[in-house]
Amino acid sequence: MRILWALAINLVLLPQLAFGQSLADLARQEREKRAKQQKPAVEVTTDEVAAGKLDTSPPLDPARKGDLDYLLQQLARPKVTPEVLAAFVPLTDRAVARLLPMLDSTDPLKRVAPATVLMVVSNTQGLASMARLLNDSTDAAAGATKDTASPNEAFRQQLQTSRIAAYALEATKLGLWRFTEGSTMTPEQIVQRVQKGPAIEIVGGIDNGQRLFNRALRDNDPSLRLAAMALIRVAAEGKDFGFRPEQSADQNELAIQQITSFLATERAQVVSQLGSKRK
């Protein structure tokens, strides 16, 4: 009789235990479902978070360093390694015609690497492209909080435009140096300088870059004038002093004098804005 009674109790309790377990499972599943549906306060893509890991061109296959199509594929990321730059130098004559159309990419980050290669092999169109990108991205970053649907979207836009502006700034600095102080160097020497370091800076020293900027602002090539002015605008928080890159130095003389004065009297601001250190 006791055995039968124990079996009866078990038969009653087992469905209840199973029912209780199923309720616990359902509750857990519901919590997980809700957690997946909830959005974080700020949405940032994996690429933006890992920009420092995903922005550099990968190592080259030694057997394919002479393959132009292969090398062009390595330019999908904005930072170009010295190894990739060196591989392009022997192929300059064929490479330039393939690199120039890449400056028109709808993805601004995919313009940076081809522009850098063009600058190294002595083509200033890459510098002009980066100067325009610097102007556009810094203006966009400053106005990213306007006319946006939500604070999250405003933050996302500002983060992205600031990232683009940072790449454009570094590329423009490299290009301005390459076509002024580095103008007598061969592409091979430019690659060696980039590889050895330290990072190339264009302000600092006793003249705070006045000599370099004066040279660029007065150059016959409008690409250099455009790049110099783009960097000045960053340092001067958007002020252009009335300088017009499409006009000659004679037509911009008053603006050049004002810029020279700015560089002399606002040294701390220039060093801070352009990321340089006093030598």
C-alpha atoms as a PDB file:
ATOM      1  CA  MET A   1       0.000   0.000   0.000  1.00  0.00           C
ATOM      2  CA  ARG A   2       2.838   2.418   0.892  1.00  0.00           C
ATOM      3  CA  ILE A   3       4.510   1.714  -2.433  1.00  0.00           C
ATOM      4  CA  LEU A   4       1.313   2.420  -4.314  1.00  0.00           C
ATOM      5  CA  TRP A   5       0.819   5.670  -2.371  1.00  0.00           C
ATOM      6  CA  ALA A   6       4.364   6.816  -3.158  1.00  0.00           C
ATOM      7  CA  LEU A   7       3.826   6.104  -6.825  1.00  0.00           C
ATOM      8  CA  ALA A   8       0.584   8.075  -6.764  1.00  0.00           C
ATOM      9  CA  ILE A   9       2.317  11.092  -5.206  1.00  0.00           C
ATOM     10  CA  ASN A  10       5.086  10.927  -7.806  1.00  0.00           C
ATOM     11  CA  LEU A  11       2.575  10.816 -10.616  1.00  0.00           C
ATOM     12  CA  VAL A  12       0.981  13.999  -9.259  1.00  0.00           C
ATOM     13  CA  LEU A  13       4.257  15.859  -8.633  1.00  0.00           C
ATOM     14  CA  LEU A  14       6.045  15.052 -11.879  1.00  0.00           C
ATOM     15  CA  PRO A  15       3.672  17.032 -14.133  1.00  0.00           C
ATOM     16  CA  GLN A  16       3.866  19.939 -11.697  1.00  0.00           C
ATOM     17  CA  LEU A  17       7.668  19.880 -11.728  1.00  0.00           C
ATOM     18  CA  ALA A  18       7.705  19.659 -15.495  1.00  0.00           C
ATOM     19  CA  PHE A  19       5.205  22.529 -15.713  1.00  0.00           C
ATOM     20  CA  GLY A  20       7.315  24.607 -13.318  1.00  0.00           C
ATOM     21  CA  GLN A  21      10.450  23.893 -15.373  1.00  0.00           C
ATOM     22  CA  SER A  22       8.733  24.885 -18.597  1.00  0.00           C
ATOM     23  CA  LEU A  23       7.632  28.183 -17.017  1.00  0.00           C
ATOM     24  CA  ALA A  24      11.233  28.898 -15.987  1.00  0.00           C
ATOM     25  CA  ASP A  25      12.425  28.153 -19.520  1.00  0.00           C
ATOM     26  CA  LEU A  26       9.760  30.397 -21.008  1.00  0.00           C
ATOM     27  CA  ALA A  27      10.678  33.228 -18.645  1.00  0.00           C
ATOM     28  CA  ARG A  28      14.373  32.886 -19.531  1.00  0.00           C
ATOM     29  CA  GLN A  29      13.627  32.846 -23.255  1.00  0.00           C
ATOM     30  CA  GLU A  30      11.457  35.933 -22.911  1.00  0.00           C
ATOM     31  CA  ARG A  31      14.225  37.795 -21.068  1.00  0.00           C
ATOM     32  CA  GLU A  32      16.733  36.867 -23.758  1.00  0.00           C
ATOM     33  CA  LYS A  33      14.329  37.967 -26.478  1.00  0.00           C
ATOM     34  CA  ARG A  34      13.774  41.333 -24.827  1.00  0.00           C
ATOM     35  CA  ALA A  35      17.502  41.840 -24.312  1.00  0.00           C
ATOM     36  CA  LYS A  36      18.109  41.287 -28.013  1.00  0.00           C
ATOM     37  CA  GLN A  37      15.412  43.785 -28.944  1.00  0.00           C
ATOM     38  CA  GLN A  38      16.749  46.503 -26.661  1.00  0.00           C
ATOM     39  CA  LYS A  39      19.158  48.894 -28.418  1.00  0.00           C
ATOM     40  CA  PRO A  40      22.192  50.326 -26.658  1.00  0.00           C
ATOM     41  CA  ALA A  41      22.271  54.037 -25.867  1.00  0.00           C
ATOM     42  CA  VAL A  42      24.897  54.612 -28.582  1.00  0.00           C
ATOM     43  CA  GLU A  43      25.278  52.397 -31.619  1.00  0.00           C
ATOM     44  CA  VAL A  44      28.772  52.021 -33.041  1.00  0.00           C
ATOM     45  CA  THR A  45      29.697  49.601 -35.789  1.00  0.00           C
ATOM     46  CA  THR A  46      32.409  47.000 -35.324  1.00  0.00           C
ATOM     47  CA  ASP A  47      34.520  48.708 -37.969  1.00  0.00           C
ATOM     48  CA  GLU A  48      34.391  52.014 -36.115  1.00  0.00           C
ATOM     49  CA  VAL A  49      35.309  50.449 -32.789  1.00  0.00           C
ATOM     50  CA  ALA A  50      38.175  48.435 -34.282  1.00  0.00           C
ATOM     51  CA  ALA A  51      39.430  51.154 -36.606  1.00  0.00           C
ATOM     52  CA  GLY A  52      42.939  50.786 -35.270  1.00  0.00           C
ATOM     53  CA  LYS A  53      42.946  47.093 -36.173  1.00  0.00           C
ATOM     54  CA  LEU A  54      41.168  47.214 -39.519  1.00  0.00           C
ATOM     55  CA  ASP A  55      42.683  50.283 -41.141  1.00  0.00           C
ATOM     56  CA  THR A  56      46.095  49.017 -42.312  1.00  0.00           C
ATOM     57  CA  SER A  57      46.796  47.190 -45.556  1.00  0.00           C
ATOM     58  CA  PRO A  58      47.634  43.488 -45.026  1.00  0.00           C
ATOM     59  CA  PRO A  59      51.082  41.943 -45.625  1.00  0.00           C
ATOM     60  CA  LEU A  60      51.886  41.300 -49.265  1.00  0.00           C
ATOM     61  CA  ASP A  61      52.365  37.968 -50.935  1.00  0.00           C
ATOM     62  CA  PRO A  62      56.059  38.148 -51.945  1.00  0.00           C
ATOM     63  CA  ALA A  63      55.306  36.311 -55.186  1.00  0.00           C
ATOM     64  CA  ARG A  64      52.762  38.946 -56.284  1.00  0.00           C
ATOM     65  CA  LYS A  65      54.579  42.215 -55.585  1.00  0.00           C
ATOM     66  CA  GLY A  66      54.846  42.862 -59.302  1.00  0.00           C
ATOM     67  CA  ASP A  67      51.132  42.254 -59.956  1.00  0.00           C
ATOM     68  CA  LEU A  68      49.458  45.672 -60.301  1.00  0.00           C
ATOM     69  CA  ASP A  69      45.916  44.312 -60.021  1.00  0.00           C
ATOM     70  CA  TYR A  70      46.853  42.565 -56.800  1.00  0.00           C
ATOM     71  CA  LEU A  71      48.473  45.711 -55.381  1.00  0.00           C
ATOM     72  CA  LEU A  72      45.440  47.827 -56.188  1.00  0.00           C
ATOM     73  CA  GLN A  73      43.312  45.401 -54.181  1.00  0.00           C
ATOM     74  CA  GLN A  74      45.478  46.122 -51.144  1.00  0.00           C
ATOM     75  CA  LEU A  75      44.336  49.760 -51.138  1.00  0.00           C
ATOM     76  CA  ALA A  76      40.863  49.088 -49.743  1.00  0.00           C
ATOM     77  CA  ARG A  77      42.037  50.190 -46.273  1.00  0.00           C
ATOM     78  CA  PRO A  78      43.116  53.768 -45.580  1.00  0.00           C
ATOM     79  CA  LYS A  79      46.580  53.139 -44.096  1.00  0.00           C
ATOM     80  CA  VAL A  80      49.229  51.928 -46.513  1.00  0.00           C
ATOM     81  CA  THR A  81      52.274  50.088 -45.221  1.00  0.00           C
ATOM     82  CA  PRO A  82      55.751  51.043 -46.489  1.00  0.00           C
ATOM     83  CA  GLU A  83      55.897  47.573 -48.058  1.00  0.00           C
ATOM     84  CA  VAL A  84      52.894  48.350 -50.273  1.00  0.00           C
ATOM     85  CA  LEU A  85      54.203  51.832 -51.125  1.00  0.00           C
ATOM     86  CA  ALA A  86      57.567  50.373 -52.150  1.00  0.00           C
ATOM     87  CA  ALA A  87      55.873  47.786 -54.382  1.00  0.00           C
ATOM     88  CA  PHE A  88      54.101  50.519 -56.355  1.00  0.00           C
ATOM     89  CA  VAL A  89      57.245  52.536 -57.124  1.00  0.00           C
ATOM     90  CA  PRO A  90      58.608  50.300 -59.954  1.00  0.00           C
ATOM     91  CA  LEU A  91      55.113  50.236 -61.487  1.00  0.00           C
ATOM     92  CA  THR A  92      54.531  54.012 -61.391  1.00  0.00           C
ATOM     93  CA  ASP A  93      53.996  54.540 -65.119  1.00  0.00           C
ATOM     94  CA  ARG A  94      51.201  51.953 -65.258  1.00  0.00           C
ATOM     95  CA  ALA A  95      49.871  52.562 -61.763  1.00  0.00           C
ATOM     96  CA  VAL A  96      49.031  56.275 -61.963  1.00  0.00           C
ATOM     97  CA  ALA A  97      46.352  55.813 -64.616  1.00  0.00           C
ATOM     98  CA  ARG A  98      44.705  53.129 -62.449  1.00  0.00           C
ATOM     99  CA  LEU A  99      45.028  55.089 -59.207  1.00  0.00           C
ATOM    100  CA  LEU A 100      43.480  58.376 -60.352  1.00  0.00           C
ATOM    101  CA  PRO A 101      39.928  56.988 -60.855  1.00  0.00           C
ATOM    102  CA  MET A 102      40.067  55.558 -57.329  1.00  0.00           C
ATOM    103  CA  LEU A 103      40.068  59.125 -55.981  1.00  0.00           C
ATOM    104  CA  ASP A 104      36.421  59.366 -57.057  1.00  0.00           C
ATOM    105  CA  SER A 105      35.244  56.497 -54.838  1.00  0.00           C
ATOM    106  CA  THR A 106      31.922  57.147 -53.128  1.00  0.00           C
ATOM    107  CA  ASP A 107      33.490  55.768 -49.944  1.00  0.00           C
ATOM    108  CA  PRO A 108      35.805  58.535 -48.698  1.00  0.00           C
ATOM    109  CA  LEU A 109      37.957  56.109 -46.706  1.00  0.00           C
ATOM    110  CA  LYS A 110      38.787  54.275 -49.927  1.00  0.00           C
ATOM    111  CA  ARG A 111      40.314  57.433 -51.402  1.00  0.00           C
ATOM    112  CA  VAL A 112      43.017  57.768 -48.769  1.00  0.00           C
ATOM    113  CA  ALA A 113      45.281  54.848 -49.720  1.00  0.00           C
ATOM    114  CA  PRO A 114      45.402  55.526 -53.491  1.00  0.00           C
ATOM    115  CA  ALA A 115      45.953  59.223 -52.772  1.00  0.00           C
ATOM    116  CA  THR A 116      48.892  58.348 -50.517  1.00  0.00           C
ATOM    117  CA  VAL A 117      50.473  56.180 -53.204  1.00  0.00           C
ATOM    118  CA  LEU A 118      50.042  58.972 -55.766  1.00  0.00           C
ATOM    119  CA  MET A 119      51.776  61.433 -53.460  1.00  0.00           C
ATOM    120  CA  VAL A 120      54.697  59.080 -52.897  1.00  0.00           C
ATOM    121  CA  VAL A 121      55.218  58.624 -56.654  1.00  0.00           C
ATOM    122  CA  SER A 122      55.120  62.441 -57.140  1.00  0.00           C
ATOM    123  CA  ASN A 123      51.556  63.052 -58.367  1.00  0.00           C
ATOM    124  CA  THR A 124      49.942  66.032 -56.608  1.00  0.00           C
ATOM    125  CA  GLN A 125      46.390  65.062 -57.577  1.00  0.00           C
ATOM    126  CA  GLY A 126      46.401  62.725 -54.587  1.00  0.00           C
ATOM    127  CA  LEU A 127      47.273  65.679 -52.344  1.00  0.00           C
ATOM    128  CA  ALA A 128      44.463  67.800 -53.802  1.00  0.00           C
ATOM    129  CA  SER A 129      42.015  64.954 -53.182  1.00  0.00           C
ATOM    130  CA  MET A 130      43.035  64.688 -49.528  1.00  0.00           C
ATOM    131  CA  ALA A 131      42.877  68.462 -49.044  1.00  0.00           C
ATOM    132  CA  ARG A 132      39.311  68.544 -50.372  1.00  0.00           C
ATOM    133  CA  LEU A 133      38.407  65.564 -48.187  1.00  0.00           C
ATOM    134  CA  LEU A 134      39.911  67.324 -45.165  1.00  0.00           C
ATOM    135  CA  ASN A 135      37.853  70.446 -45.842  1.00  0.00           C
ATOM    136  CA  ASP A 136      34.647  68.484 -46.385  1.00  0.00           C
ATOM    137  CA  SER A 137      35.061  66.151 -43.409  1.00  0.00           C
ATOM    138  CA  THR A 138      36.039  68.825 -40.892  1.00  0.00           C
ATOM    139  CA  ASP A 139      33.060  70.936 -41.952  1.00  0.00           C
ATOM    140  CA  ALA A 140      30.803  67.875 -41.733  1.00  0.00           C
ATOM    141  CA  ALA A 141      32.139  66.935 -38.290  1.00  0.00           C
ATOM    142  CA  ALA A 142      31.453  70.432 -37.011  1.00  0.00           C
ATOM    143  CA  GLY A 143      27.857  70.294 -38.239  1.00  0.00           C
ATOM    144  CA  ALA A 144      27.086  66.646 -37.543  1.00  0.00           C
ATOM    145  CA  THR A 145      24.765  67.462 -34.640  1.00  0.00           C
ATOM    146  CA  LYS A 146      22.419  69.503 -36.810  1.00  0.00           C
ATOM    147  CA  ASP A 147      19.395  68.178 -38.662  1.00  0.00           C
ATOM    148  CA  THR A 148      19.703  64.619 -37.310  1.00  0.00           C
ATOM    149  CA  ALA A 149      16.866  62.351 -36.277  1.00  0.00           C
ATOM    150  CA  SER A 150      18.258  61.468 -32.845  1.00  0.00           C
ATOM    151  CA  PRO A 151      21.229  62.046 -30.514  1.00  0.00           C
ATOM    152  CA  ASN A 152      22.413  58.519 -31.332  1.00  0.00           C
ATOM    153  CA  GLU A 153      22.469  59.267 -35.044  1.00  0.00           C
ATOM    154  CA  ALA A 154      24.193  62.601 -34.429  1.00  0.00           C
ATOM    155  CA  PHE A 155      26.897  60.853 -32.440  1.00  0.00           C
ATOM    156  CA  ARG A 156      27.343  58.163 -35.096  1.00  0.00           C
ATOM    157  CA  GLN A 157      27.694  60.766 -37.842  1.00  0.00           C
ATOM    158  CA  GLN A 158      30.144  62.843 -35.847  1.00  0.00           C
ATOM    159  CA  LEU A 159      32.230  59.779 -35.039  1.00  0.00           C
ATOM    160  CA  GLN A 160      32.409  58.739 -38.685  1.00  0.00           C
ATOM    161  CA  THR A 161      33.182  62.205 -40.060  1.00  0.00           C
ATOM    162  CA  SER A 162      35.818  62.769 -37.383  1.00  0.00           C
ATOM    163  CA  ARG A 163      37.456  59.476 -38.319  1.00  0.00           C
ATOM    164  CA  ILE A 164      37.536  60.487 -41.980  1.00  0.00           C
ATOM    165  CA  ALA A 165      38.922  63.913 -41.059  1.00  0.00           C
ATOM    166  CA  ALA A 166      41.739  62.300 -39.046  1.00  0.00           C
ATOM    167  CA  TYR A 167      42.858  60.158 -42.002  1.00  0.00           C
ATOM    168  CA  ALA A 168      42.603  63.122 -44.383  1.00  0.00           C
ATOM    169  CA  LEU A 169      44.633  65.282 -41.991  1.00  0.00           C
ATOM    170  CA  GLU A 170      47.498  62.787 -41.781  1.00  0.00           C
ATOM    171  CA  ALA A 171      47.550  62.271 -45.541  1.00  0.00           C
ATOM    172  CA  THR A 172      47.490  66.012 -46.257  1.00  0.00           C
ATOM    173  CA  LYS A 173      50.341  66.637 -43.825  1.00  0.00           C
ATOM    174  CA  LEU A 174      52.394  63.908 -45.493  1.00  0.00           C
ATOM    175  CA  GLY A 175      51.658  65.286 -48.952  1.00  0.00           C
ATOM    176  CA  LEU A 176      52.449  68.900 -48.095  1.00  0.00           C
ATOM    177  CA  TRP A 177      55.803  67.842 -46.655  1.00  0.00           C
ATOM    178  CA  ARG A 178      56.475  65.571 -49.630  1.00  0.00           C
ATOM    179  CA  PHE A 179      56.084  68.408 -52.151  1.00  0.00           C
ATOM    180  CA  THR A 180      57.959  71.046 -50.147  1.00  0.00           C
ATOM    181  CA  GLU A 181      60.759  69.840 -47.893  1.00  0.00           C
ATOM    182  CA  GLY A 182      60.677  66.382 -49.463  1.00  0.00           C
ATOM    183  CA  SER A 183      60.398  67.588 -53.059  1.00  0.00           C
ATOM    184  CA  THR A 184      63.993  66.679 -53.944  1.00  0.00           C
ATOM    185  CA  MET A 185      63.645  63.136 -52.617  1.00  0.00           C
ATOM    186  CA  THR A 186      62.947  60.169 -54.883  1.00  0.00           C
ATOM    187  CA  PRO A 187      59.916  57.940 -54.270  1.00  0.00           C
ATOM    188  CA  GLU A 188      62.267  55.299 -52.855  1.00  0.00           C
ATOM    189  CA  GLN A 189      63.663  57.834 -50.373  1.00  0.00           C
ATOM    190  CA  ILE A 190      60.159  58.930 -49.387  1.00  0.00           C
ATOM    191  CA  VAL A 191      59.247  55.320 -48.615  1.00  0.00           C
ATOM    192  CA  GLN A 192      62.414  54.917 -46.537  1.00  0.00           C
ATOM    193  CA  ARG A 193      61.617  58.094 -44.588  1.00  0.00           C
ATOM    194  CA  VAL A 194      58.066  56.900 -43.862  1.00  0.00           C
ATOM    195  CA  GLN A 195      59.370  53.500 -42.825  1.00  0.00           C
ATOM    196  CA  LYS A 196      62.102  54.740 -40.514  1.00  0.00           C
ATOM    197  CA  GLY A 197      60.017  57.390 -38.746  1.00  0.00           C
ATOM    198  CA  PRO A 198      59.431  59.402 -36.664  1.00  0.00           C
ATOM    199  CA  ALA A 199      56.066  60.682 -37.872  1.00  0.00           C
ATOM    200  CA  ILE A 200      56.366  63.586 -40.285  1.00  0.00           C
ATOM    201  CA  GLU A 201      55.336  66.921 -38.741  1.00  0.00           C
ATOM    202  CA  ILE A 202      54.979  70.161 -40.630  1.00  0.00           C
ATOM    203  CA  VAL A 203      54.958  72.692 -37.786  1.00  0.00           C
ATOM    204  CA  GLY A 204      57.434  73.259 -35.002  1.00  0.00           C
ATOM    205  CA  GLY A 205      60.988  74.482 -34.797  1.00  0.00           C
ATOM    206  CA  ILE A 206      62.005  78.127 -34.663  1.00  0.00           C
ATOM    207  CA  ASP A 207      59.743  79.286 -37.496  1.00  0.00           C
ATOM    208  CA  ASN A 208      56.712  77.124 -36.577  1.00  0.00           C
ATOM    209  CA  GLY A 209      56.336  75.962 -40.161  1.00  0.00           C
ATOM    210  CA  GLN A 210      56.120  79.484 -41.629  1.00  0.00           C
ATOM    211  CA  ARG A 211      58.792  78.717 -44.200  1.00  0.00           C
ATOM    212  CA  LEU A 212      57.025  75.550 -45.353  1.00  0.00           C
ATOM    213  CA  PHE A 213      53.585  77.151 -45.496  1.00  0.00           C
ATOM    214  CA  ASN A 214      54.879  80.248 -47.279  1.00  0.00           C
ATOM    215  CA  ARG A 215      56.431  78.022 -49.886  1.00  0.00           C
ATOM    216  CA  ALA A 216      53.258  75.984 -50.353  1.00  0.00           C
ATOM    217  CA  LEU A 217      50.901  78.984 -50.409  1.00  0.00           C
ATOM    218  CA  ARG A 218      53.053  80.628 -53.097  1.00  0.00           C
ATOM    219  CA  ASP A 219      53.605  77.494 -55.189  1.00  0.00           C
ATOM    220  CA  ASN A 220      52.526  77.437 -58.834  1.00  0.00           C
ATOM    221  CA  ASP A 221      50.703  74.150 -58.282  1.00  0.00           C
ATOM    222  CA  PRO A 222      47.161  74.845 -56.965  1.00  0.00           C
ATOM    223  CA  SER A 223      47.187  71.429 -55.262  1.00  0.00           C
ATOM    224  CA  LEU A 224      49.834  72.635 -52.813  1.00  0.00           C
ATOM    225  CA  ARG A 225      47.998  75.901 -52.207  1.00  0.00           C
ATOM    226  CA  LEU A 226      44.783  73.962 -51.542  1.00  0.00           C
ATOM    227  CA  ALA A 227      46.519  71.576 -49.121  1.00  0.00           C
ATOM    228  CA  ALA A 228      48.271  74.354 -47.207  1.00  0.00           C
ATOM    229  CA  MET A 229      45.013  76.227 -46.786  1.00  0.00           C
ATOM    230  CA  ALA A 230      43.141  73.092 -45.679  1.00  0.00           C
ATOM    231  CA  LEU A 231      45.670  72.612 -42.866  1.00  0.00           C
ATOM    232  CA  ILE A 232      45.537  76.279 -41.905  1.00  0.00           C
ATOM    233  CA  ARG A 233      41.738  76.043 -41.655  1.00  0.00           C
ATOM    234  CA  VAL A 234      42.105  73.159 -39.190  1.00  0.00           C
ATOM    235  CA  ALA A 235      44.529  75.153 -37.054  1.00  0.00           C
ATOM    236  CA  ALA A 236      42.418  78.332 -37.257  1.00  0.00           C
ATOM    237  CA  GLU A 237      39.119  76.572 -36.516  1.00  0.00           C
ATOM    238  CA  GLY A 238      37.711  77.100 -39.993  1.00  0.00           C
ATOM    239  CA  LYS A 239      39.075  80.585 -40.716  1.00  0.00           C
ATOM    240  CA  ASP A 240      40.478  80.932 -44.249  1.00  0.00           C
ATOM    241  CA  PHE A 241      41.836  84.525 -44.038  1.00  0.00           C
ATOM    242  CA  GLY A 242      40.343  85.222 -47.456  1.00  0.00           C
ATOM    243  CA  PHE A 243      42.876  82.962 -49.188  1.00  0.00           C
ATOM    244  CA  ARG A 244      41.672  81.512 -52.511  1.00  0.00           C
ATOM    245  CA  PRO A 245      43.678  78.436 -53.605  1.00  0.00           C
ATOM    246  CA  GLU A 246      42.584  78.823 -57.237  1.00  0.00           C
ATOM    247  CA  GLN A 247      44.256  82.262 -57.385  1.00  0.00           C
ATOM    248  CA  SER A 248      47.971  83.021 -57.684  1.00  0.00           C
ATOM    249  CA  ALA A 249      50.172  84.163 -54.798  1.00  0.00           C
ATOM    250  CA  ASP A 250      50.103  87.765 -56.028  1.00  0.00           C
ATOM    251  CA  GLN A 251      46.316  87.804 -55.725  1.00  0.00           C
ATOM    252  CA  ASN A 252      46.542  86.254 -52.253  1.00  0.00           C
ATOM    253  CA  GLU A 253      49.345  88.412 -50.844  1.00  0.00           C
ATOM    254  CA  LEU A 254      47.281  90.059 -48.107  1.00  0.00           C
ATOM    255  CA  ALA A 255      45.876  86.697 -46.987  1.00  0.00           C
ATOM    256  CA  ILE A 256      49.373  85.162 -46.936  1.00  0.00           C
ATOM    257  CA  GLN A 257      50.621  87.965 -44.708  1.00  0.00           C
ATOM    258  CA  GLN A 258      47.740  87.380 -42.304  1.00  0.00           C
ATOM    259  CA  ILE A 259      48.424  83.640 -42.259  1.00  0.00           C
ATOM    260  CA  THR A 260      52.125  84.264 -41.568  1.00  0.00           C
ATOM    261  CA  SER A 261      51.187  86.504 -38.679  1.00  0.00           C
ATOM    262  CA  PHE A 262      48.784  83.866 -37.381  1.00  0.00           C
ATOM    263  CA  LEU A 263      51.494  81.196 -37.466  1.00  0.00           C
ATOM    264  CA  ALA A 264      53.869  83.494 -35.590  1.00  0.00           C
ATOM    265  CA  THR A 265      51.470  84.633 -32.871  1.00  0.00           C
ATOM    266  CA  GLU A 266      49.255  81.575 -32.406  1.00  0.00           C
ATOM    267  CA  ARG A 267      51.959  78.922 -32.110  1.00  0.00           C
ATOM    268  CA  ALA A 268      50.350  77.024 -29.252  1.00  0.00           C
ATOM    269  CA  GLN A 269      47.042  76.757 -31.076  1.00  0.00           C
ATOM    270  CA  VAL A 270      48.658  75.563 -34.306  1.00  0.00           C
ATOM    271  CA  VAL A 271      50.744  72.915 -32.560  1.00  0.00           C
ATOM    272  CA  SER A 272      47.693  71.656 -30.683  1.00  0.00           C
ATOM    273  CA  GLN A 273      45.359  71.576 -33.693  1.00  0.00           C
ATOM    274  CA  LEU A 274      47.814  69.917 -36.080  1.00  0.00           C
ATOM    275  CA  GLY A 275      49.086  67.421 -33.496  1.00  0.00           C
ATOM    276  CA  SER A 276      52.728  68.510 -33.421  1.00  0.00           C
ATOM    277  CA  LYS A 277      55.257  68.759 -30.644  1.00  0.00           C
ATOM    278  CA  ARG A 278      57.769  71.529 -30.206  1.00  0.00           C
ATOM    279  CA  LYS A 279      61.220  70.398 -31.200  1.00  0.00           C
END
